[in-house]
Amino acid sequence: MKTNTSLKYITDIGRQIWWILLIGFIIRLVFAISVSPVLFSDPSWYYATATSLASGDGFSFEGKPTAYRTPGFSFIVSILFRIFGQHIKIVYVYNALIGVFILWLTGIIASFYTQKWKTVVLLLALYPEHILYTNVFATELTFQFFLLLWFLCKDKTIFDGIFIALSAYVRPVSLLLPVFFAIFDRNSRRKYIFAALIGAFLMSPWIIRNSHTIGNCSLSTNFWVNLWIGNGAQSDGGYFNPPDPPTDKETEAEKWFRKQLIDDLKDNPLHPIIILPLKAVHFWIPVLTPVSWALKGVVPRNFKIAIAVILTILNVVLLIFAAKPIIKRRAPREIVIIIAYFWLVYMLFFGADRFRFPILPFLLILALL
């Protein structure tokens, strides 16, 4: 892919689609201001850790240092809280702004592949699933933003390493992305490997912090619980609420879930393979998370079900169109690689629609090739 990331080219793209960016921002801003979902699950955790950081109590949850997730999103929110006060709405406005930059970055990337790139941006601006995530107090939009930045600058080694580290601080799943690209791109293999080393180096302060505060040299302490959810005896390929381990220490909980998984695999070693198709279905088909999180306590349950059904149908239509250039072998290799990466990584754990969300802009690009 020949890219042009000059300031002139980037600003020219912005000038050509300013009206789409404005429409996308207005829609998201109105949604951010007018809708107030109840926080629960991951959003409530991010709110708690962000308020802890903003209050000067460190990256903590329920008064204890945590490494259950990486701190990138919570840190960004804590800055917003320090400047504007601890108002949830300010995070939704931030998401609306990030959404506009995502539209812009999508336009730049799409312009390298298709003359219909403006239509790609317009579809993303109006795409209901993307709009719903505006009012989700979680990592989705911030992670997607850094992922697109990485993809745009992946041929520039230093920026490649910096942006992959920034995305990994938000969600660590992206950290091995340069390594995955290196497997399929001989010409740029050294660049990708070097970028991966830069990313790992920039993540090292977080790992050192975890070693000192919780005694665990890892990116997060939710690795084994997620692996158990996706591969244990109770797994159906999707997410379910895990049981409470017999400890309140994150490192001990990790060991407990690791033992549970090992015991389950001893009893039924083929179970993770058997449920792979179910994981794929959970990853690709439904649109549940943004409806559940963005509309919690806002609309009746039956109404949310109807919205989820409509968005799922829309998603299936998108997947059908996105699959055509792949089947006909007209799809750009780098787009196929990044889509394959997220799919394969999450097949190791469990499938969920929010894990597919980061690659939504790339699916739209494929659909309009």
Protein backbone atom coordinates (compact mmCIF):
# COMPACT_ATOMS: atom_id res chain seq x y z
CA MET A 1 0.00 0.00 0.00
CA LYS A 2 1.39 3.38 -1.00
CA THR A 3 0.45 5.89 1.64
CA ASN A 4 0.64 9.64 1.87
CA THR A 5 0.71 10.90 5.43
CA SER A 6 1.89 14.41 4.67
CA LEU A 7 0.16 17.21 6.56
CA LYS A 8 -1.09 18.64 3.26
CA TYR A 9 -2.73 15.37 2.24
CA ILE A 10 -4.30 14.78 5.67
CA THR A 11 -5.75 18.30 5.86
CA ASP A 12 -6.99 18.05 2.27
CA ILE A 13 -8.92 14.89 3.17
CA GLY A 14 -10.41 16.76 6.12
CA ARG A 15 -11.50 19.66 3.90
CA GLN A 16 -13.23 17.31 1.48
CA ILE A 17 -15.30 15.60 4.18
CA TRP A 18 -15.76 18.45 6.68
CA TRP A 19 -19.52 18.25 6.34
CA ILE A 20 -19.51 14.51 7.10
CA LEU A 21 -17.30 15.10 10.14
CA LEU A 22 -19.68 17.83 11.30
CA ILE A 23 -22.75 15.60 10.88
CA GLY A 24 -21.01 12.75 12.68
CA PHE A 25 -19.99 15.02 15.56
CA ILE A 26 -23.44 16.60 15.96
CA ILE A 27 -25.12 13.18 16.07
CA ARG A 28 -22.65 11.90 18.64
CA LEU A 29 -22.71 15.08 20.72
CA VAL A 30 -26.52 15.10 20.91
CA PHE A 31 -26.46 11.44 21.94
CA ALA A 32 -23.73 12.11 24.51
CA ILE A 33 -25.64 14.97 26.13
CA SER A 34 -29.16 13.57 25.98
CA VAL A 35 -28.65 9.92 27.00
CA SER A 36 -27.45 8.89 30.47
CA PRO A 37 -26.96 5.12 30.83
CA VAL A 38 -26.42 3.41 34.16
CA LEU A 39 -22.82 2.29 34.61
CA PHE A 40 -22.22 -1.40 35.24
CA SER A 41 -19.75 -4.14 34.34
CA ASP A 42 -16.58 -2.80 32.64
CA PRO A 43 -17.75 0.86 32.53
CA SER A 44 -18.21 0.94 36.31
CA TRP A 45 -14.69 -0.48 36.74
CA TYR A 46 -13.19 2.16 34.47
CA TYR A 47 -15.09 4.88 36.31
CA ALA A 48 -13.78 3.64 39.67
CA THR A 49 -10.14 3.47 38.54
CA ALA A 50 -10.33 6.84 36.76
CA THR A 51 -11.73 8.55 39.86
CA SER A 52 -9.02 6.89 41.94
CA LEU A 53 -6.33 8.30 39.66
CA ALA A 54 -7.98 11.72 39.58
CA SER A 55 -8.13 11.77 43.38
CA GLY A 56 -4.43 11.00 43.70
CA ASP A 57 -4.95 7.46 45.04
CA GLY A 58 -3.16 5.73 42.20
CA PHE A 59 -4.44 3.10 39.83
CA SER A 60 -6.64 1.33 42.36
CA PHE A 61 -9.96 -0.48 42.56
CA GLU A 62 -11.88 -0.64 45.82
CA GLY A 63 -8.87 0.83 47.61
CA LYS A 64 -6.33 -1.72 46.36
CA PRO A 65 -3.75 -1.36 43.56
CA THR A 66 -4.97 -3.15 40.46
CA ALA A 67 -3.55 -4.52 37.25
CA TYR A 68 -6.74 -6.21 36.10
CA ARG A 69 -6.69 -4.04 33.00
CA THR A 70 -4.12 -1.69 31.51
CA PRO A 71 -4.42 1.94 32.68
CA GLY A 72 -4.52 3.91 29.42
CA PHE A 73 -8.21 4.74 29.22
CA SER A 74 -8.56 5.32 32.96
CA PHE A 75 -5.57 7.68 32.85
CA ILE A 76 -7.06 9.72 30.00
CA VAL A 77 -10.38 9.97 31.84
CA SER A 78 -8.62 10.96 35.07
CA ILE A 79 -7.10 13.95 33.26
CA LEU A 80 -10.56 14.97 32.05
CA PHE A 81 -11.87 14.59 35.60
CA ARG A 82 -9.08 16.76 36.99
CA ILE A 83 -9.81 19.51 34.45
CA PHE A 84 -13.61 19.41 34.27
CA GLY A 85 -14.61 17.61 37.46
CA GLN A 86 -15.81 14.05 37.87
CA HIS A 87 -18.74 14.28 35.46
CA ILE A 88 -19.55 11.21 33.40
CA LYS A 89 -20.95 13.34 30.58
CA ILE A 90 -17.54 14.83 29.88
CA VAL A 91 -16.31 11.35 28.94
CA TYR A 92 -19.17 10.93 26.47
CA VAL A 93 -18.31 14.31 24.91
CA TYR A 94 -14.68 13.14 24.72
CA ASN A 95 -15.92 9.98 22.96
CA ALA A 96 -17.86 12.13 20.50
CA LEU A 97 -14.68 14.07 19.67
CA ILE A 98 -12.64 10.89 19.35
CA GLY A 99 -15.37 9.57 17.07
CA VAL A 100 -14.80 12.50 14.69
CA PHE A 101 -11.06 11.82 14.55
CA ILE A 102 -11.84 8.16 13.87
CA LEU A 103 -13.98 9.26 10.90
CA TRP A 104 -11.14 11.43 9.65
CA LEU A 105 -8.52 8.67 10.00
CA THR A 106 -10.88 6.20 8.33
CA GLY A 107 -11.24 8.61 5.41
CA ILE A 108 -7.46 8.92 5.04
CA ILE A 109 -6.95 5.15 5.09
CA ALA A 110 -9.94 4.43 2.82
CA SER A 111 -8.66 6.95 0.25
CA PHE A 112 -5.65 4.68 -0.35
CA TYR A 113 -7.89 1.82 -1.45
CA THR A 114 -11.12 3.05 -3.01
CA GLN A 115 -12.57 6.03 -4.83
CA LYS A 116 -15.67 5.54 -2.67
CA TRP A 117 -13.78 6.57 0.43
CA LYS A 118 -16.16 9.44 1.19
CA THR A 119 -19.03 6.95 1.24
CA VAL A 120 -17.04 4.83 3.71
CA VAL A 121 -16.73 7.82 6.04
CA LEU A 122 -20.41 8.72 5.65
CA LEU A 123 -21.51 5.17 6.45
CA LEU A 124 -19.31 5.10 9.55
CA ALA A 125 -20.62 8.52 10.61
CA LEU A 126 -24.17 7.19 10.48
CA TYR A 127 -23.45 3.62 11.61
CA PRO A 128 -25.67 3.00 14.68
CA GLU A 129 -23.25 0.65 16.45
CA HIS A 130 -20.47 3.22 16.23
CA ILE A 131 -22.76 5.99 17.48
CA LEU A 132 -23.91 3.90 20.46
CA TYR A 133 -20.35 3.48 21.68
CA THR A 134 -20.24 7.24 22.24
CA ASN A 135 -22.05 6.66 25.51
CA VAL A 136 -20.04 3.65 26.60
CA PHE A 137 -17.66 4.45 29.45
CA ALA A 138 -14.99 2.03 28.19
CA THR A 139 -12.03 1.65 25.88
CA GLU A 140 -13.68 0.94 22.53
CA LEU A 141 -13.39 4.30 20.74
CA THR A 142 -10.04 5.27 22.25
CA PHE A 143 -8.56 1.92 21.28
CA GLN A 144 -9.98 2.16 17.76
CA PHE A 145 -8.47 5.64 17.42
CA PHE A 146 -4.96 4.46 18.35
CA LEU A 147 -5.33 1.36 16.18
CA LEU A 148 -6.12 3.49 13.12
CA LEU A 149 -3.20 5.79 13.93
CA TRP A 150 -0.93 2.75 14.11
CA PHE A 151 -2.21 1.40 10.80
CA LEU A 152 -1.71 4.76 9.12
CA CYS A 153 1.86 5.11 10.40
CA LYS A 154 2.91 1.44 10.47
CA ASP A 155 5.56 2.00 7.76
CA LYS A 156 7.32 4.52 10.02
CA THR A 157 9.16 2.42 12.59
CA ILE A 158 9.34 4.87 15.48
CA PHE A 159 5.70 5.93 15.22
CA ASP A 160 4.75 2.29 14.69
CA GLY A 161 6.26 1.41 18.07
CA ILE A 162 4.83 4.45 19.83
CA PHE A 163 1.27 3.99 18.61
CA ILE A 164 1.24 0.25 19.24
CA ALA A 165 2.33 0.95 22.82
CA LEU A 166 -0.34 3.63 23.25
CA SER A 167 -3.00 1.25 21.96
CA ALA A 168 -1.69 -1.53 24.23
CA TYR A 169 -1.91 0.76 27.25
CA VAL A 170 -5.61 1.04 26.40
CA ARG A 171 -6.07 -2.64 25.52
CA PRO A 172 -3.03 -4.97 25.45
CA VAL A 173 -4.40 -7.23 22.72
CA SER A 174 -2.68 -5.06 20.07
CA LEU A 175 0.87 -5.40 21.40
CA LEU A 176 1.82 -8.32 19.11
CA LEU A 177 0.24 -6.78 16.01
CA PRO A 178 3.61 -5.68 14.48
CA VAL A 179 4.93 -9.21 14.99
CA PHE A 180 1.91 -10.64 13.19
CA PHE A 181 2.48 -8.25 10.28
CA ALA A 182 6.16 -9.21 10.22
CA ILE A 183 5.17 -12.83 9.54
CA PHE A 184 3.43 -11.88 6.29
CA ASP A 185 5.58 -8.98 5.08
CA ARG A 186 9.15 -9.99 4.31
CA ASN A 187 10.16 -6.61 2.95
CA SER A 188 9.21 -4.78 6.14
CA ARG A 189 9.93 -7.58 8.62
CA ARG A 190 12.84 -5.83 10.34
CA LYS A 191 10.84 -2.63 10.69
CA TYR A 192 7.93 -4.44 12.32
CA ILE A 193 10.16 -6.40 14.68
CA PHE A 194 11.99 -3.23 15.70
CA ALA A 195 8.65 -1.47 16.22
CA ALA A 196 7.50 -4.38 18.39
CA LEU A 197 10.63 -3.99 20.51
CA ILE A 198 9.96 -0.25 20.88
CA GLY A 199 6.39 -1.03 21.93
CA ALA A 200 7.58 -3.61 24.47
CA PHE A 201 10.12 -1.14 25.86
CA LEU A 202 7.46 1.55 26.27
CA MET A 203 5.23 -0.96 28.09
CA SER A 204 8.01 -1.96 30.50
CA PRO A 205 7.25 0.76 33.11
CA TRP A 206 3.77 -0.71 33.50
CA ILE A 207 5.16 -4.24 33.93
CA ILE A 208 7.73 -3.00 36.45
CA ARG A 209 4.97 -1.20 38.35
CA ASN A 210 2.93 -4.40 38.50
CA SER A 211 5.93 -6.34 39.77
CA HIS A 212 6.44 -3.87 42.62
CA THR A 213 2.81 -3.26 43.59
CA ILE A 214 1.10 -6.63 43.13
CA GLY A 215 4.00 -9.02 42.63
CA ASN A 216 3.04 -9.98 39.08
CA CYS A 217 5.18 -9.20 36.02
CA SER A 218 2.33 -9.14 33.53
CA LEU A 219 0.34 -6.74 31.37
CA SER A 220 -2.88 -7.57 33.20
CA THR A 221 -4.26 -9.96 35.79
CA ASN A 222 -7.27 -11.02 33.75
CA PHE A 223 -5.43 -13.35 31.35
CA TRP A 224 -6.33 -16.65 32.99
CA VAL A 225 -9.90 -15.75 33.87
CA ASN A 226 -10.57 -14.79 30.24
CA LEU A 227 -8.82 -17.92 29.00
CA TRP A 228 -10.99 -20.00 31.35
CA ILE A 229 -14.19 -18.22 30.26
CA GLY A 230 -13.39 -19.10 26.65
CA ASN A 231 -12.07 -22.63 27.10
CA GLY A 232 -13.29 -24.03 30.41
CA ALA A 233 -15.93 -26.71 30.84
CA GLN A 234 -18.74 -24.12 31.16
CA SER A 235 -17.76 -22.18 28.04
CA ASP A 236 -20.17 -21.83 25.14
CA GLY A 237 -17.75 -19.68 23.16
CA GLY A 238 -19.05 -16.35 24.48
CA TYR A 239 -18.78 -14.31 27.65
CA PHE A 240 -20.40 -15.21 30.95
CA ASN A 241 -19.87 -13.89 34.45
CA PRO A 242 -17.16 -16.01 36.09
CA PRO A 243 -17.54 -17.23 39.67
CA ASP A 244 -15.86 -15.33 42.48
CA PRO A 245 -12.53 -16.98 43.30
CA PRO A 246 -11.82 -17.83 46.96
CA THR A 247 -9.50 -14.83 47.31
CA ASP A 248 -9.58 -11.06 46.93
CA LYS A 249 -6.00 -10.88 45.63
CA GLU A 250 -5.72 -10.54 41.85
CA THR A 251 -2.56 -12.62 41.56
CA GLU A 252 -4.07 -15.45 43.61
CA ALA A 253 -7.27 -15.25 41.57
CA GLU A 254 -5.20 -15.69 38.41
CA LYS A 255 -3.63 -18.84 39.83
CA TRP A 256 -7.07 -20.16 40.84
CA PHE A 257 -8.53 -19.68 37.35
CA ARG A 258 -5.41 -21.22 35.82
CA LYS A 259 -5.93 -24.32 37.96
CA GLN A 260 -9.62 -24.45 37.02
CA LEU A 261 -8.72 -24.33 33.34
CA ILE A 262 -6.05 -27.01 33.63
CA ASP A 263 -8.47 -29.30 35.49
CA ASP A 264 -11.16 -28.72 32.86
CA LEU A 265 -8.77 -29.47 30.02
CA LYS A 266 -7.64 -32.67 31.69
CA ASP A 267 -11.27 -33.83 31.79
CA ASN A 268 -12.15 -32.66 28.27
CA PRO A 269 -9.11 -31.60 26.22
CA LEU A 270 -11.08 -31.28 22.98
CA HIS A 271 -13.68 -28.85 24.34
CA PRO A 272 -11.85 -25.65 23.22
CA ILE A 273 -11.63 -27.04 19.67
CA ILE A 274 -15.25 -28.16 19.58
CA ILE A 275 -16.55 -24.69 20.54
CA LEU A 276 -14.41 -22.77 18.02
CA PRO A 277 -17.39 -22.33 15.67
CA LEU A 278 -19.40 -20.88 18.56
CA LYS A 279 -16.59 -18.45 19.34
CA ALA A 280 -16.64 -17.33 15.71
CA VAL A 281 -20.39 -16.76 15.84
CA HIS A 282 -20.09 -14.68 19.03
CA PHE A 283 -17.28 -12.65 17.45
CA TRP A 284 -18.83 -11.95 14.05
CA ILE A 285 -22.60 -11.98 14.24
CA PRO A 286 -24.42 -10.29 17.15
CA VAL A 287 -24.43 -6.62 18.17
CA LEU A 288 -25.23 -6.75 21.88
CA THR A 289 -22.64 -4.90 23.96
CA PRO A 290 -23.22 -1.29 22.77
CA VAL A 291 -26.98 -1.74 23.14
CA SER A 292 -26.60 -3.16 26.64
CA TRP A 293 -24.02 -0.66 27.88
CA ALA A 294 -25.14 2.54 26.11
CA LEU A 295 -28.85 2.09 26.84
CA LYS A 296 -28.75 0.55 30.33
CA GLY A 297 -31.63 2.06 32.30
CA VAL A 298 -32.59 4.28 29.35
CA VAL A 299 -35.11 2.20 27.38
CA PRO A 300 -37.20 -0.91 28.21
CA ARG A 301 -35.66 -4.35 27.75
CA ASN A 302 -37.93 -5.28 24.83
CA PHE A 303 -36.90 -2.11 23.01
CA LYS A 304 -33.22 -2.95 23.52
CA ILE A 305 -33.82 -6.43 22.13
CA ALA A 306 -35.44 -4.93 19.03
CA ILE A 307 -32.50 -2.57 18.53
CA ALA A 308 -30.01 -5.43 18.96
CA VAL A 309 -31.85 -7.50 16.34
CA ILE A 310 -31.86 -4.64 13.83
CA LEU A 311 -28.17 -3.88 14.39
CA THR A 312 -27.29 -7.56 14.11
CA ILE A 313 -29.06 -7.76 10.74
CA LEU A 314 -27.21 -4.63 9.61
CA ASN A 315 -23.93 -6.19 10.72
CA VAL A 316 -24.62 -9.41 8.79
CA VAL A 317 -25.29 -7.37 5.64
CA LEU A 318 -22.00 -5.53 6.15
CA LEU A 319 -20.13 -8.82 6.59
CA ILE A 320 -21.59 -10.22 3.38
CA PHE A 321 -20.38 -7.23 1.37
CA ALA A 322 -17.01 -7.19 3.18
CA ALA A 323 -16.46 -10.88 2.42
CA LYS A 324 -16.85 -10.46 -1.35
CA PRO A 325 -13.43 -8.90 -2.09
CA ILE A 326 -11.79 -11.44 0.22
CA ILE A 327 -13.43 -14.34 -1.61
CA LYS A 328 -12.51 -12.82 -4.98
CA ARG A 329 -8.96 -12.16 -3.72
CA ARG A 330 -9.23 -8.42 -4.33
CA ALA A 331 -8.90 -7.43 -0.69
CA PRO A 332 -5.76 -5.47 0.31
CA ARG A 333 -3.45 -7.83 2.13
CA GLU A 334 -2.76 -5.51 5.08
CA ILE A 335 -6.48 -5.10 5.77
CA VAL A 336 -6.99 -8.86 5.68
CA ILE A 337 -4.03 -9.29 8.05
CA ILE A 338 -5.34 -6.88 10.68
CA ILE A 339 -8.82 -8.43 10.53
CA ALA A 340 -7.34 -11.94 10.80
CA TYR A 341 -5.20 -10.89 13.76
CA PHE A 342 -8.12 -9.81 15.92
CA TRP A 343 -10.20 -12.80 14.93
CA LEU A 344 -7.44 -15.32 15.66
CA VAL A 345 -6.37 -13.75 18.94
CA TYR A 346 -9.86 -13.77 20.35
CA MET A 347 -10.44 -17.33 19.20
CA LEU A 348 -7.90 -18.21 21.88
CA PHE A 349 -10.17 -16.62 24.46
CA PHE A 350 -13.86 -16.11 23.72
CA GLY A 351 -15.90 -14.36 21.06
CA ALA A 352 -17.71 -11.06 21.65
CA ASP A 353 -19.03 -8.30 19.43
CA ARG A 354 -16.94 -5.65 21.18
CA PHE A 355 -13.81 -7.56 20.12
CA ARG A 356 -14.89 -7.15 16.48
CA PHE A 357 -15.60 -3.43 16.90
CA PRO A 358 -11.97 -2.20 16.44
CA ILE A 359 -11.92 -3.53 12.86
CA LEU A 360 -15.28 -1.99 11.88
CA PRO A 361 -13.68 0.77 9.71
CA PHE A 362 -11.72 -1.88 7.80
CA LEU A 363 -14.85 -3.94 7.21
CA LEU A 364 -16.56 -0.87 5.75
CA ILE A 365 -13.60 -0.27 3.45
CA LEU A 366 -13.79 -3.86 2.20
CA ALA A 367 -17.53 -3.58 1.67
CA LEU A 368 -17.03 -0.69 -0.75
CA LEU A 369 -14.15 -2.06 -2.80
